[in-house]
Amino acid sequence: MKKYIPNSITSLNLICGLLSIFFTASGEIMLASYMVFIAAVMDFLDGFSARLLNAYSEIGKQMDSLADLVSFGIAPAFIASYEIFYSMGISFQSPVPEPGIYNYILVLMPLLLVVASAFRLAKFNIDPSQTESFSGLPSPASGLFFASLPLLGKDFFSNPAIIAALLLIFSYLLVSGIPMFSLKIRNIRDRKHIPAYILAVISLILLIVFSLKAVFLIVILYIFISLIILLLPNKSN
């Protein structure tokens, strides 16, 4: 019976992603964002429960990736599309941009995030080296970043080109081989988890001060710390 628990939680992750898409299409953009946040919690809990119950399975691994693609790839792309359309003065329910290659590129940019997320998740599934650290930005981090955009206010990104540029940057980070530290802690005394502890402490402070608006900053901080670690000299050499 215990082997079904992680997969059941993964199903909730998928449902949250689907609800996020539904809410975005209905114009309920804040609810769409909250669904992605809840999906991230479910994504953490399914992995945690699998380790706790020793209930790993190949189908669970594949199902987790499919759920992540919906919740952290497609759903955030919908949210990014909504933000681009809003900044262009276009209704998301009838997205018809003014004629021009530039405008069409802007409205199609969120599709790049979906493709990059799919590639990232497929690479993770076949790469056994990504147990201790990640190669490229994890899809949940990217998804949470774009899900946090509506919480920042309608005027925070008033230029659609800025959102398109962010989509391009994050799509690159997803498919890149840039090492990103893992938040999965197996031995609390292991010094290699210090970056995760630093991120956790700062994240807690930011969440207390800014509530869920802090997610935007937390993802940027995660990327920044990972890049700092990459630039530091490797003492093992």
Foldseek 3Di string as FASTA:
>chain_A
DLLCVLVVLLVLLLVLLVVLLVCLLVVNLLSSLVSLVVSVVSLVVSVVSCVVVVNDDPVSLVSNLVSLLSSLQVSLLSLLLCLLCVLQVHHSNDDDHDDDPVSVCLNCLSVLSSVLSNLLSVCVSVDPVPPFWGFFDHSSLNSNQSSLVVVVDSPPCSDSVVSSVVSVVNSCRSNGRQIFGDLDDDDPPDPSCVVNVVLVVVLVVQCVVPNSNCSNVSSVVRVVVSVVVVPDDDPVD
